[in-house]
Each structure stands twice: as C-alpha cells, then as structure tokens.
C-alpha cells in the first residue's frame, strides 16, 4: 500500500466511523434543523381557530436608534408580514391600542388574499401609533388588537425594536432623539511627575 492510499484509507475509516453520529444531527421531525428559525426578536405567530387561520411574522414597532428615545408625543410605525391560510379573502381594517399608550392610525385597509403574503410597513410605513403617551427606548412591548374583516380581532404583544443591526436600512422614526454621544474621559499623564 502506498503512502497516499494509506492516508485515504485512514480518512475514509474516520469518516465512516463518524457517519452515524453525523446522521443523528438532522434526523427526525424534532431535529434542530426542522425547527422554525426567527433571526430577530420580532414576533412571529400562527393564529388558528374556527374563523381565524393566519400567520403573522416579523411583527414589531420600530423604535429609535440604539441608545436613543422616542419621546412622548412622537409615533412608531408597525411592521409585519401576514399570510391568510383561510378559505376566503380578508383584510386588515384597523389597529386597536390602549388610549394610555397612544392613538392608532390606519389610513386604508390592507388586502389579505387567500394564500398570499401581505406586508405592512414596507415599502413605506403606514400603520402607526401616534401621540405616544410615554417615551419608548426599545425592548418594550405594546399590546395591540388587529381588526380583520373576516377573522375578527387578534390580540398580540408586539415588541418595540431599536433601529440597529438589520433594521438600520429602515427609515428613521420622525422625532426620535439620537443616542447620547459619549464624553471622552480626560487622561492624566503621571509619567512626568516626581522625576525618574
């Protein structure tokens, strides 16, 4: 046996020994690779009962840039994707929020045809909470009621996410204050003191 063929034989034997362990990594319906993956802290859920069959994904309110604040009186846009898995077309008619949070603004119904995805917030934010009653920094959740024509009311706790990482491509929220600029700490030169 030549030196090269001996290396190949050792490599093949090592691979065959590891194959059962590697095969177990992705086997079965509960394997980690078969689990849904949500790459962000946005809300994703499925609502299914007698008159509702909807998927809602990547639901969030956009907050300020990281370290900034949305002040009281400002607004925050809603972003989400929806898929209607029901038997008839539907539409999102409204957004309900606690008056202690702010005022909901839905300028027009969002069509939700059967089996098609509908997006809110892209390409342009439209559904908003306006006149916020308290400042938001990101990390909070806002309880909302989505009002559908056929599916009725769906209640969700939608997170407020800072405009950072993958969200920096979204338009900045009007009225958001910027993150405070760190103040440089003065340094003291101690080498010149006392002589050497």
N, C-alpha and C. Protein backbone atom coordinates (compact mmCIF):
# COMPACT_ATOMS: atom_id res chain seq x y z
N UNK A 1 0.86 -1.18 0.00
CA UNK A 1 0.00 0.00 0.00
C UNK A 1 0.90 1.24 0.00
N UNK A 2 0.62 2.18 -0.89
CA UNK A 2 1.44 3.38 -0.97
C UNK A 2 1.07 4.33 0.16
N UNK A 3 1.92 5.31 0.33
CA UNK A 3 1.69 6.28 1.41
C UNK A 3 0.38 7.05 1.20
N UNK A 4 0.09 7.50 -0.06
CA UNK A 4 -1.13 8.23 -0.36
C UNK A 4 -2.37 7.38 -0.13
N UNK A 5 -2.35 6.14 -0.58
CA UNK A 5 -3.54 5.30 -0.41
C UNK A 5 -3.77 4.98 1.06
N UNK A 6 -2.70 4.90 1.87
CA UNK A 6 -2.86 4.68 3.31
C UNK A 6 -3.55 5.88 3.95
N UNK A 7 -3.20 7.12 3.54
CA UNK A 7 -3.87 8.32 4.07
C UNK A 7 -5.34 8.33 3.70
N UNK A 8 -5.64 7.94 2.46
CA UNK A 8 -7.05 7.89 2.03
C UNK A 8 -7.81 6.84 2.83
N UNK A 9 -7.20 5.72 3.10
CA UNK A 9 -7.87 4.65 3.85
C UNK A 9 -8.16 5.11 5.28
N UNK A 10 -7.22 5.81 5.89
CA UNK A 10 -7.42 6.32 7.25
C UNK A 10 -8.54 7.37 7.25
N UNK A 11 -8.54 8.27 6.27
CA UNK A 11 -9.57 9.32 6.18
C UNK A 11 -10.95 8.69 5.96
N UNK A 12 -11.02 7.68 5.08
CA UNK A 12 -12.31 7.02 4.81
C UNK A 12 -12.81 6.30 6.06
N UNK A 13 -11.93 5.65 6.79
CA UNK A 13 -12.33 4.95 8.02
C UNK A 13 -12.84 5.94 9.07
N UNK A 14 -12.18 7.08 9.20
CA UNK A 14 -12.61 8.10 10.16
C UNK A 14 -13.99 8.65 9.78
N UNK A 15 -14.19 8.88 8.49
CA UNK A 15 -15.50 9.38 8.03
C UNK A 15 -16.60 8.37 8.31
N UNK A 16 -16.34 7.10 7.99
CA UNK A 16 -17.35 6.06 8.22
C UNK A 16 -17.67 5.89 9.70
N UNK A 17 -16.66 6.06 10.55
CA UNK A 17 -16.90 5.96 11.99
C UNK A 17 -17.76 7.11 12.49
N UNK A 18 -17.61 8.29 11.91
CA UNK A 18 -18.36 9.47 12.35
C UNK A 18 -19.73 9.57 11.70
N UNK A 19 -19.98 8.85 10.61
CA UNK A 19 -21.23 8.98 9.86
C UNK A 19 -22.48 8.76 10.70
N UNK A 20 -22.56 7.71 11.56
CA UNK A 20 -23.79 7.55 12.35
C UNK A 20 -24.06 8.74 13.26
N UNK A 21 -23.01 9.30 13.86
CA UNK A 21 -23.21 10.46 14.74
C UNK A 21 -23.67 11.67 13.94
N UNK A 22 -23.07 11.87 12.77
CA UNK A 22 -23.48 12.99 11.93
C UNK A 22 -24.90 12.83 11.43
N UNK A 23 -25.30 11.62 11.09
CA UNK A 23 -26.66 11.38 10.59
C UNK A 23 -27.69 11.69 11.67
N UNK A 24 -27.35 11.46 12.92
CA UNK A 24 -28.29 11.73 14.01
C UNK A 24 -28.55 13.20 14.22
N UNK A 25 -27.66 14.08 13.71
CA UNK A 25 -27.82 15.51 13.93
C UNK A 25 -29.06 16.07 13.27
N UNK A 26 -29.48 15.52 12.15
CA UNK A 26 -30.61 16.09 11.45
C UNK A 26 -31.77 15.14 11.29
N UNK A 27 -31.79 14.06 12.05
CA UNK A 27 -32.81 13.04 11.85
C UNK A 27 -34.07 13.34 12.65
N UNK A 28 -35.19 12.98 12.08
CA UNK A 28 -36.46 13.07 12.81
C UNK A 28 -37.14 14.41 12.68
N UNK A 29 -38.40 14.46 13.09
CA UNK A 29 -39.20 15.67 12.97
C UNK A 29 -38.83 16.71 14.01
N UNK A 30 -38.18 16.31 15.10
CA UNK A 30 -37.82 17.26 16.14
C UNK A 30 -36.38 17.74 16.03
N UNK A 31 -35.73 17.42 14.94
CA UNK A 31 -34.34 17.83 14.77
C UNK A 31 -34.24 19.35 14.77
N UNK A 32 -33.12 19.85 15.27
CA UNK A 32 -32.94 21.29 15.37
C UNK A 32 -33.06 21.97 14.00
N UNK A 33 -32.66 21.26 12.93
CA UNK A 33 -32.75 21.85 11.60
C UNK A 33 -34.18 21.95 11.10
N UNK A 34 -35.11 21.24 11.74
CA UNK A 34 -36.52 21.30 11.34
C UNK A 34 -37.31 22.32 12.14
N UNK A 35 -36.67 22.98 13.10
CA UNK A 35 -37.37 23.94 13.94
C UNK A 35 -37.41 25.30 13.24
N UNK A 36 -38.52 26.06 13.42
CA UNK A 36 -38.56 27.39 12.81
C UNK A 36 -37.45 28.27 13.39
N UNK A 37 -36.89 29.10 12.55
CA UNK A 37 -35.81 29.97 12.98
C UNK A 37 -36.25 31.42 12.82
N UNK A 38 -36.29 32.15 13.92
CA UNK A 38 -36.61 33.57 13.87
C UNK A 38 -35.32 34.33 14.16
N UNK A 39 -34.71 34.95 13.14
CA UNK A 39 -33.40 35.57 13.33
C UNK A 39 -33.43 36.85 14.15
N UNK A 40 -34.60 37.36 14.49
CA UNK A 40 -34.68 38.60 15.23
C UNK A 40 -35.60 38.44 16.41
N UNK A 41 -35.69 39.51 17.21
CA UNK A 41 -36.58 39.49 18.36
C UNK A 41 -38.01 39.89 18.01
N UNK A 42 -38.32 40.06 16.72
CA UNK A 42 -39.68 40.38 16.29
C UNK A 42 -40.61 39.20 16.57
N UNK A 43 -41.89 39.49 16.66
CA UNK A 43 -42.91 38.48 16.97
C UNK A 43 -43.32 37.72 15.72
N UNK A 44 -43.38 36.40 15.81
CA UNK A 44 -43.94 35.56 14.75
C UNK A 44 -44.88 34.56 15.41
N UNK A 45 -46.09 34.41 14.86
CA UNK A 45 -47.08 33.53 15.47
C UNK A 45 -48.05 33.01 14.42
N UNK A 46 -48.75 31.95 14.77
CA UNK A 46 -49.81 31.40 13.91
C UNK A 46 -51.09 31.42 14.73
N UNK A 47 -52.16 31.97 14.17
CA UNK A 47 -53.46 32.04 14.84
C UNK A 47 -54.41 31.15 14.07
N UNK A 48 -54.91 30.11 14.75
CA UNK A 48 -55.78 29.16 14.06
C UNK A 48 -56.89 28.74 15.01
N UNK A 49 -58.13 29.05 14.65
CA UNK A 49 -59.31 28.54 15.35
C UNK A 49 -60.46 28.49 14.34
N UNK A 50 -61.70 28.47 14.80
CA UNK A 50 -62.83 28.27 13.89
C UNK A 50 -62.91 29.30 12.78
N UNK A 51 -62.64 30.55 13.04
CA UNK A 51 -62.76 31.56 11.98
C UNK A 51 -61.46 32.30 11.68
N UNK A 52 -60.33 31.86 12.25
CA UNK A 52 -59.05 32.51 12.00
C UNK A 52 -58.04 31.46 11.55
N UNK A 53 -57.31 31.77 10.52
CA UNK A 53 -56.21 30.92 10.09
C UNK A 53 -55.17 31.82 9.43
N UNK A 54 -54.36 32.44 10.27
CA UNK A 54 -53.41 33.45 9.82
C UNK A 54 -52.01 33.17 10.35
N UNK A 55 -51.02 33.47 9.55
CA UNK A 55 -49.63 33.53 10.03
C UNK A 55 -49.25 34.99 10.08
N UNK A 56 -48.67 35.40 11.19
CA UNK A 56 -48.15 36.76 11.33
C UNK A 56 -46.68 36.63 11.68
N UNK A 57 -45.84 37.25 10.86
CA UNK A 57 -44.40 37.09 11.05
C UNK A 57 -43.71 38.44 11.07
N UNK A 58 -42.59 38.48 11.78
CA UNK A 58 -41.75 39.68 11.85
C UNK A 58 -42.56 40.91 12.23
N UNK A 59 -43.41 40.78 13.27
CA UNK A 59 -44.22 41.91 13.75
C UNK A 59 -43.43 42.68 14.79
N UNK A 60 -43.31 44.01 14.59
CA UNK A 60 -42.63 44.86 15.55
C UNK A 60 -42.99 46.31 15.29
N UNK A 61 -42.83 47.12 16.30
CA UNK A 61 -42.87 48.58 16.15
C UNK A 61 -41.43 49.04 16.11
N UNK A 62 -41.12 49.97 15.20
CA UNK A 62 -39.75 50.46 15.09
C UNK A 62 -39.54 51.58 16.09
N UNK A 63 -38.51 51.40 16.89
CA UNK A 63 -38.15 52.40 17.89
C UNK A 63 -37.05 53.32 17.40
N UNK A 64 -36.37 53.97 18.33
CA UNK A 64 -35.28 54.89 17.98
C UNK A 64 -34.01 54.11 17.65
N UNK A 65 -32.99 54.83 17.19
CA UNK A 65 -31.68 54.22 17.05
C UNK A 65 -31.23 53.74 18.42
N UNK A 66 -30.35 52.75 18.43
CA UNK A 66 -29.87 52.18 19.69
C UNK A 66 -29.33 53.28 20.60
N UNK A 67 -29.81 53.33 21.82
CA UNK A 67 -29.39 54.34 22.79
C UNK A 67 -30.23 55.61 22.75
N UNK A 68 -31.09 55.75 21.75
CA UNK A 68 -31.94 56.94 21.63
C UNK A 68 -33.30 56.72 22.28
N UNK A 69 -34.21 57.67 22.08
CA UNK A 69 -35.54 57.63 22.69
C UNK A 69 -36.58 58.14 21.72
N UNK A 70 -37.74 57.49 21.72
CA UNK A 70 -38.92 58.06 21.07
C UNK A 70 -39.64 58.83 22.16
N UNK A 71 -39.71 60.15 22.08
CA UNK A 71 -40.31 60.91 23.18
C UNK A 71 -41.84 60.82 23.17
N UNK A 72 -42.45 61.15 24.28
CA UNK A 72 -43.90 61.26 24.35
C UNK A 72 -44.34 62.26 23.28
N UNK A 73 -45.44 61.95 22.59
CA UNK A 73 -45.93 62.80 21.51
C UNK A 73 -45.48 62.34 20.13
N UNK A 74 -44.42 61.53 20.07
CA UNK A 74 -43.94 61.00 18.78
C UNK A 74 -44.81 59.81 18.36
N UNK A 75 -44.42 59.15 17.28
CA UNK A 75 -45.15 57.99 16.80
C UNK A 75 -44.20 56.85 16.49
N UNK A 76 -44.75 55.65 16.31
CA UNK A 76 -43.95 54.49 15.96
C UNK A 76 -44.69 53.66 14.92
N UNK A 77 -44.02 53.30 13.81
CA UNK A 77 -44.69 52.53 12.76
C UNK A 77 -44.69 51.03 13.06
N UNK A 78 -45.75 50.37 12.57
CA UNK A 78 -45.89 48.92 12.69
C UNK A 78 -45.34 48.27 11.43
N UNK A 79 -44.54 47.21 11.63
CA UNK A 79 -44.05 46.38 10.53
C UNK A 79 -44.51 44.95 10.79
N UNK A 80 -45.02 44.28 9.76
CA UNK A 80 -45.35 42.86 9.88
C UNK A 80 -45.64 42.27 8.51
N UNK A 81 -45.55 40.93 8.45
CA UNK A 81 -45.97 40.16 7.29
C UNK A 81 -47.12 39.27 7.73
N UNK A 82 -48.11 39.11 6.85
CA UNK A 82 -49.26 38.26 7.16
C UNK A 82 -49.53 37.33 5.99
N UNK A 83 -49.97 36.11 6.29
CA UNK A 83 -50.45 35.19 5.27
C UNK A 83 -51.80 34.67 5.72
N UNK A 84 -52.78 34.75 4.83
CA UNK A 84 -54.14 34.28 5.08
C UNK A 84 -54.23 32.82 4.63
N UNK A 85 -54.35 31.89 5.58
CA UNK A 85 -54.48 30.47 5.26
C UNK A 85 -55.96 30.04 5.25
N UNK A 86 -56.88 31.00 5.36
CA UNK A 86 -58.31 30.69 5.41
C UNK A 86 -58.86 30.34 4.05
N UNK A 87 -60.20 30.26 3.99
CA UNK A 87 -60.86 29.87 2.75
C UNK A 87 -61.37 31.06 1.94
N UNK A 88 -61.37 32.26 2.53
CA UNK A 88 -61.81 33.44 1.78
C UNK A 88 -60.88 34.61 2.03
N UNK A 89 -60.86 35.51 1.07
CA UNK A 89 -60.03 36.71 1.19
C UNK A 89 -60.46 37.51 2.42
N UNK A 90 -59.51 38.21 3.00
CA UNK A 90 -59.77 39.00 4.21
C UNK A 90 -59.06 40.34 4.03
N UNK A 91 -59.17 41.18 5.02
CA UNK A 91 -58.39 42.42 5.02
C UNK A 91 -58.20 42.90 6.45
N UNK A 92 -57.06 43.53 6.67
CA UNK A 92 -56.78 44.16 7.96
C UNK A 92 -57.41 45.54 7.92
N UNK A 93 -58.37 45.76 8.82
CA UNK A 93 -59.12 47.02 8.82
C UNK A 93 -58.59 48.04 9.81
N UNK A 94 -58.08 47.56 10.96
CA UNK A 94 -57.72 48.53 11.99
C UNK A 94 -56.73 47.99 13.00
N UNK A 95 -56.25 48.90 13.81
CA UNK A 95 -55.32 48.61 14.88
C UNK A 95 -55.87 49.24 16.14
N UNK A 96 -56.07 48.45 17.17
CA UNK A 96 -56.55 48.98 18.44
C UNK A 96 -55.42 49.03 19.45
N UNK A 97 -55.29 50.15 20.15
CA UNK A 97 -54.29 50.28 21.21
C UNK A 97 -54.95 50.94 22.43
N UNK A 98 -54.40 50.68 23.57
CA UNK A 98 -54.86 51.31 24.80
C UNK A 98 -54.66 52.82 24.67
N UNK A 99 -55.70 53.63 24.99
CA UNK A 99 -55.54 55.09 24.90
C UNK A 99 -54.41 55.63 25.77
N UNK A 100 -54.00 54.86 26.80
CA UNK A 100 -52.87 55.28 27.64
C UNK A 100 -51.53 55.11 26.94
N UNK A 101 -51.53 54.42 25.78
CA UNK A 101 -50.31 54.22 25.01
C UNK A 101 -50.19 55.29 23.93
N UNK A 102 -51.30 55.52 23.20
CA UNK A 102 -51.29 56.49 22.10
C UNK A 102 -52.54 56.32 21.26
N UNK A 103 -52.49 56.80 20.04
CA UNK A 103 -53.62 56.76 19.11
C UNK A 103 -53.24 55.96 17.88
N UNK A 104 -54.09 55.01 17.47
CA UNK A 104 -53.80 54.19 16.30
C UNK A 104 -54.19 54.92 15.03
N UNK A 105 -53.37 54.76 13.99
CA UNK A 105 -53.67 55.35 12.69
C UNK A 105 -53.54 54.27 11.62
N UNK A 106 -54.67 53.96 10.95
CA UNK A 106 -54.69 53.01 9.83
C UNK A 106 -55.32 53.75 8.66
N UNK A 107 -54.51 54.25 7.71
CA UNK A 107 -55.06 55.08 6.64
C UNK A 107 -55.95 54.34 5.65
N UNK A 108 -55.71 53.04 5.44
CA UNK A 108 -56.51 52.28 4.48
C UNK A 108 -56.43 50.80 4.82
N UNK A 109 -57.49 50.02 4.52
CA UNK A 109 -57.45 48.57 4.76
C UNK A 109 -56.30 47.92 3.98
N UNK A 110 -55.75 46.84 4.57
CA UNK A 110 -54.68 46.09 3.92
C UNK A 110 -55.30 44.80 3.38
N UNK A 111 -55.36 44.61 2.03
CA UNK A 111 -55.94 43.40 1.47
C UNK A 111 -55.13 42.16 1.85
N UNK A 112 -55.85 41.08 2.12
CA UNK A 112 -55.21 39.83 2.53
C UNK A 112 -55.84 38.67 1.75
N UNK A 113 -55.44 38.49 0.47
CA UNK A 113 -56.00 37.40 -0.33
C UNK A 113 -55.56 36.04 0.21
N UNK A 114 -56.37 35.01 -0.04
CA UNK A 114 -56.06 33.66 0.41
C UNK A 114 -54.72 33.21 -0.17
N UNK A 115 -53.85 32.68 0.71
CA UNK A 115 -52.59 32.10 0.29
C UNK A 115 -51.51 33.07 -0.15
N UNK A 116 -51.74 34.36 -0.02
CA UNK A 116 -50.75 35.36 -0.44
C UNK A 116 -50.23 36.10 0.78
N UNK A 117 -48.99 36.54 0.68
CA UNK A 117 -48.39 37.32 1.77
C UNK A 117 -48.73 38.80 1.59
N UNK A 118 -49.00 39.46 2.68
CA UNK A 118 -49.23 40.90 2.67
C UNK A 118 -48.26 41.52 3.65
N UNK A 119 -47.73 42.67 3.29
CA UNK A 119 -46.74 43.34 4.11
C UNK A 119 -47.28 44.67 4.61
N UNK A 120 -47.00 44.98 5.85
CA UNK A 120 -47.32 46.28 6.44
C UNK A 120 -46.00 46.94 6.80
N UNK A 121 -45.83 48.19 6.40
CA UNK A 121 -44.61 48.95 6.73
C UNK A 121 -43.63 49.05 5.60
N UNK A 122 -43.69 48.13 4.65
CA UNK A 122 -42.77 48.15 3.51
C UNK A 122 -43.58 48.27 2.24
N UNK A 123 -43.21 49.08 1.30
CA UNK A 123 -42.01 49.90 1.27
C UNK A 123 -42.11 51.17 2.11
N UNK A 124 -43.33 51.58 2.49
CA UNK A 124 -43.48 52.81 3.26
C UNK A 124 -44.31 52.54 4.50
N UNK A 125 -43.86 52.98 5.69
CA UNK A 125 -44.68 52.81 6.90
C UNK A 125 -46.02 53.52 6.75
N UNK A 126 -47.09 52.84 7.17
CA UNK A 126 -48.42 53.45 7.05
C UNK A 126 -49.23 53.30 8.34
N UNK A 127 -49.23 52.11 8.94
CA UNK A 127 -49.98 51.91 10.17
C UNK A 127 -49.09 52.31 11.34
N UNK A 128 -49.59 53.20 12.18
CA UNK A 128 -48.76 53.80 13.23
C UNK A 128 -49.51 53.85 14.56
N UNK A 129 -48.73 53.97 15.62
CA UNK A 129 -49.25 54.50 16.88
C UNK A 129 -48.71 55.92 16.96
N UNK A 130 -49.61 56.89 17.06
CA UNK A 130 -49.22 58.29 17.12
C UNK A 130 -49.49 58.84 18.52
N UNK A 131 -48.94 60.02 18.77
CA UNK A 131 -49.14 60.71 20.05
C UNK A 131 -48.87 59.78 21.25
N UNK A 132 -47.68 59.19 21.24
CA UNK A 132 -47.29 58.31 22.35
C UNK A 132 -47.44 59.04 23.67
N UNK A 133 -47.96 58.34 24.67
CA UNK A 133 -48.17 58.95 25.99
C UNK A 133 -46.93 58.87 26.86
N UNK A 134 -46.00 57.96 26.50
CA UNK A 134 -44.75 57.87 27.28
C UNK A 134 -43.61 57.56 26.33
N UNK A 135 -42.39 57.90 26.71
CA UNK A 135 -41.23 57.64 25.84
C UNK A 135 -41.00 56.14 25.65
N UNK A 136 -40.44 55.77 24.51
CA UNK A 136 -40.05 54.38 24.22
C UNK A 136 -38.58 54.36 23.84
N UNK A 137 -37.85 53.37 24.36
CA UNK A 137 -36.43 53.24 24.06
C UNK A 137 -36.12 52.00 23.25
N UNK A 138 -37.06 51.09 23.15
CA UNK A 138 -36.81 49.78 22.53
C UNK A 138 -36.68 48.75 23.63
N UNK A 139 -37.21 47.55 23.37
CA UNK A 139 -37.21 46.50 24.38
C UNK A 139 -38.56 46.35 25.05
N UNK A 140 -39.43 47.36 24.91
CA UNK A 140 -40.78 47.26 25.48
C UNK A 140 -41.67 46.46 24.53
N UNK A 141 -42.87 46.11 25.00
CA UNK A 141 -43.91 45.51 24.16
C UNK A 141 -45.16 46.35 24.26
N UNK A 142 -45.94 46.37 23.17
CA UNK A 142 -47.19 47.10 23.14
C UNK A 142 -48.30 46.11 22.81
N UNK A 143 -49.31 46.03 23.68
CA UNK A 143 -50.45 45.15 23.42
C UNK A 143 -51.35 45.83 22.40
N UNK A 144 -51.64 45.12 21.30
CA UNK A 144 -52.47 45.68 20.24
C UNK A 144 -53.56 44.68 19.86
N UNK A 145 -54.59 45.20 19.21
CA UNK A 145 -55.63 44.36 18.63
C UNK A 145 -55.67 44.66 17.14
N UNK A 146 -55.38 43.64 16.34
CA UNK A 146 -55.52 43.76 14.90
C UNK A 146 -56.96 43.39 14.55
N UNK A 147 -57.64 44.25 13.81
CA UNK A 147 -59.05 44.03 13.45
C UNK A 147 -59.13 43.60 11.99
N UNK A 148 -59.56 42.35 11.76
CA UNK A 148 -59.72 41.82 10.41
C UNK A 148 -61.20 41.77 10.06
N UNK A 149 -61.51 41.91 8.77
CA UNK A 149 -62.90 41.89 8.32
C UNK A 149 -63.55 40.54 8.58
N UNK A 150 -62.86 39.43 8.29
CA UNK A 150 -63.45 38.10 8.45
C UNK A 150 -62.93 37.40 9.71
N UNK A 151 -61.65 37.54 9.98
CA UNK A 151 -61.04 36.82 11.10
C UNK A 151 -61.32 37.49 12.44
N UNK A 152 -61.86 38.70 12.43
CA UNK A 152 -62.18 39.38 13.69
C UNK A 152 -60.94 39.97 14.33
N UNK A 153 -60.92 39.93 15.66
CA UNK A 153 -59.86 40.59 16.42
C UNK A 153 -58.77 39.58 16.81
N UNK A 154 -57.52 39.97 16.60
CA UNK A 154 -56.35 39.19 17.02
C UNK A 154 -55.55 40.08 17.96
N UNK A 155 -55.34 39.62 19.20
CA UNK A 155 -54.59 40.39 20.19
C UNK A 155 -53.15 39.89 20.24
N UNK A 156 -52.21 40.82 20.18
CA UNK A 156 -50.78 40.48 20.18
C UNK A 156 -50.01 41.42 21.10
N UNK A 157 -48.91 40.94 21.66
CA UNK A 157 -47.93 41.78 22.35
C UNK A 157 -46.78 41.99 21.37
N UNK A 158 -46.73 43.16 20.78
CA UNK A 158 -45.76 43.43 19.71
C UNK A 158 -44.57 44.18 20.30
N UNK A 159 -43.35 43.66 20.08
CA UNK A 159 -42.16 44.33 20.65
C UNK A 159 -41.81 45.62 19.93
N UNK A 160 -41.19 46.52 20.68
CA UNK A 160 -40.59 47.73 20.12
C UNK A 160 -39.11 47.44 19.95
N UNK A 161 -38.62 47.53 18.72
CA UNK A 161 -37.25 47.15 18.41
C UNK A 161 -36.45 48.39 18.00
N UNK A 162 -35.25 48.52 18.54
CA UNK A 162 -34.41 49.66 18.19
C UNK A 162 -33.96 49.57 16.73
N UNK A 163 -33.72 50.69 16.14
CA UNK A 163 -33.27 50.77 14.75
C UNK A 163 -31.76 50.54 14.73
N UNK A 164 -31.37 49.27 14.82
CA UNK A 164 -29.97 48.88 14.81
C UNK A 164 -29.85 47.56 14.03
N UNK A 165 -28.63 47.08 13.86
CA UNK A 165 -28.36 45.84 13.13
C UNK A 165 -29.11 45.79 11.80
N UNK A 166 -29.95 44.77 11.57
CA UNK A 166 -30.63 44.64 10.28
C UNK A 166 -31.74 45.66 10.06
N UNK A 167 -32.07 46.44 11.09
CA UNK A 167 -33.14 47.44 10.98
C UNK A 167 -32.63 48.83 10.57
N UNK A 168 -31.31 49.00 10.43
CA UNK A 168 -30.78 50.33 10.11
C UNK A 168 -31.15 50.77 8.70
N UNK A 169 -31.56 49.84 7.83
CA UNK A 169 -31.95 50.23 6.47
C UNK A 169 -33.36 50.84 6.44
N UNK A 170 -34.11 50.72 7.53
CA UNK A 170 -35.47 51.28 7.59
C UNK A 170 -35.39 52.78 7.83
N UNK A 171 -36.40 53.53 7.35
CA UNK A 171 -36.36 54.98 7.59
C UNK A 171 -36.44 55.29 9.09
N UNK A 172 -35.67 56.27 9.51
CA UNK A 172 -35.67 56.68 10.92
C UNK A 172 -37.05 57.17 11.31
N UNK A 173 -37.42 56.93 12.56
CA UNK A 173 -38.72 57.36 13.07
C UNK A 173 -38.64 58.86 13.33
N UNK A 174 -39.56 59.66 12.75
CA UNK A 174 -39.53 61.10 12.99
C UNK A 174 -39.69 61.42 14.48
N UNK A 175 -38.89 62.36 14.94
CA UNK A 175 -38.98 62.80 16.34
C UNK A 175 -38.12 62.01 17.29
N UNK A 176 -37.49 60.92 16.82
CA UNK A 176 -36.64 60.12 17.72
C UNK A 176 -35.39 60.90 18.08
N UNK A 177 -35.03 60.86 19.36
CA UNK A 177 -33.79 61.52 19.78
C UNK A 177 -32.63 60.57 19.53
N UNK A 178 -31.49 61.13 19.21
CA UNK A 178 -30.30 60.32 18.95
C UNK A 178 -29.72 59.80 20.25
N UNK A 179 -28.90 58.78 20.11
CA UNK A 179 -28.19 58.26 21.28
C UNK A 179 -27.25 59.32 21.81
N UNK A 180 -27.09 59.40 23.14
CA UNK A 180 -26.15 60.39 23.67
C UNK A 180 -24.72 60.08 23.22
N UNK A 181 -23.98 61.14 22.90
CA UNK A 181 -22.58 60.98 22.48
C UNK A 181 -21.72 60.81 23.72
N UNK A 182 -20.92 59.73 23.75
CA UNK A 182 -20.08 59.54 24.93
C UNK A 182 -19.08 60.68 25.09
N UNK A 183 -18.87 61.12 26.32
CA UNK A 183 -17.91 62.18 26.61
C UNK A 183 -16.56 61.53 26.84
N UNK A 184 -15.53 61.99 26.13
CA UNK A 184 -14.22 61.38 26.36
C UNK A 184 -13.73 61.63 27.78
N UNK A 185 -13.13 60.62 28.36
CA UNK A 185 -12.59 60.74 29.71
C UNK A 185 -11.18 61.33 29.62
N UNK A 186 -10.92 62.42 30.36
CA UNK A 186 -9.57 63.00 30.28
C UNK A 186 -8.54 62.03 30.86
N UNK A 187 -7.37 62.01 30.24
CA UNK A 187 -6.30 61.16 30.75
C UNK A 187 -5.30 62.02 31.50
N UNK A 188 -4.72 61.45 32.52
CA UNK A 188 -3.73 62.17 33.33
C UNK A 188 -2.37 61.57 33.04
N UNK A 189 -1.43 62.43 32.70
CA UNK A 189 -0.07 61.96 32.44
C UNK A 189 0.67 61.91 33.77
N UNK A 190 0.93 60.70 34.25
CA UNK A 190 1.62 60.56 35.54
C UNK A 190 3.10 60.27 35.38
N UNK A 191 3.53 60.06 34.14
CA UNK A 191 4.94 59.71 33.93
C UNK A 191 5.88 60.86 34.24
N UNK A 192 5.44 62.08 34.00
CA UNK A 192 6.31 63.23 34.20
C UNK A 192 6.39 63.66 35.66
N UNK A 193 5.55 63.10 36.55
CA UNK A 193 5.51 63.57 37.93
C UNK A 193 6.62 62.88 38.76
N UNK A 194 7.27 63.64 39.57
CA UNK A 194 8.23 63.09 40.54
C UNK A 194 9.58 62.75 39.96
N UNK A 195 9.79 62.91 38.68
CA UNK A 195 11.09 62.62 38.07
C UNK A 195 11.34 61.16 37.95
N UNK A 196 12.42 60.81 37.26
CA UNK A 196 12.80 59.42 37.07
C UNK A 196 14.20 59.22 37.49
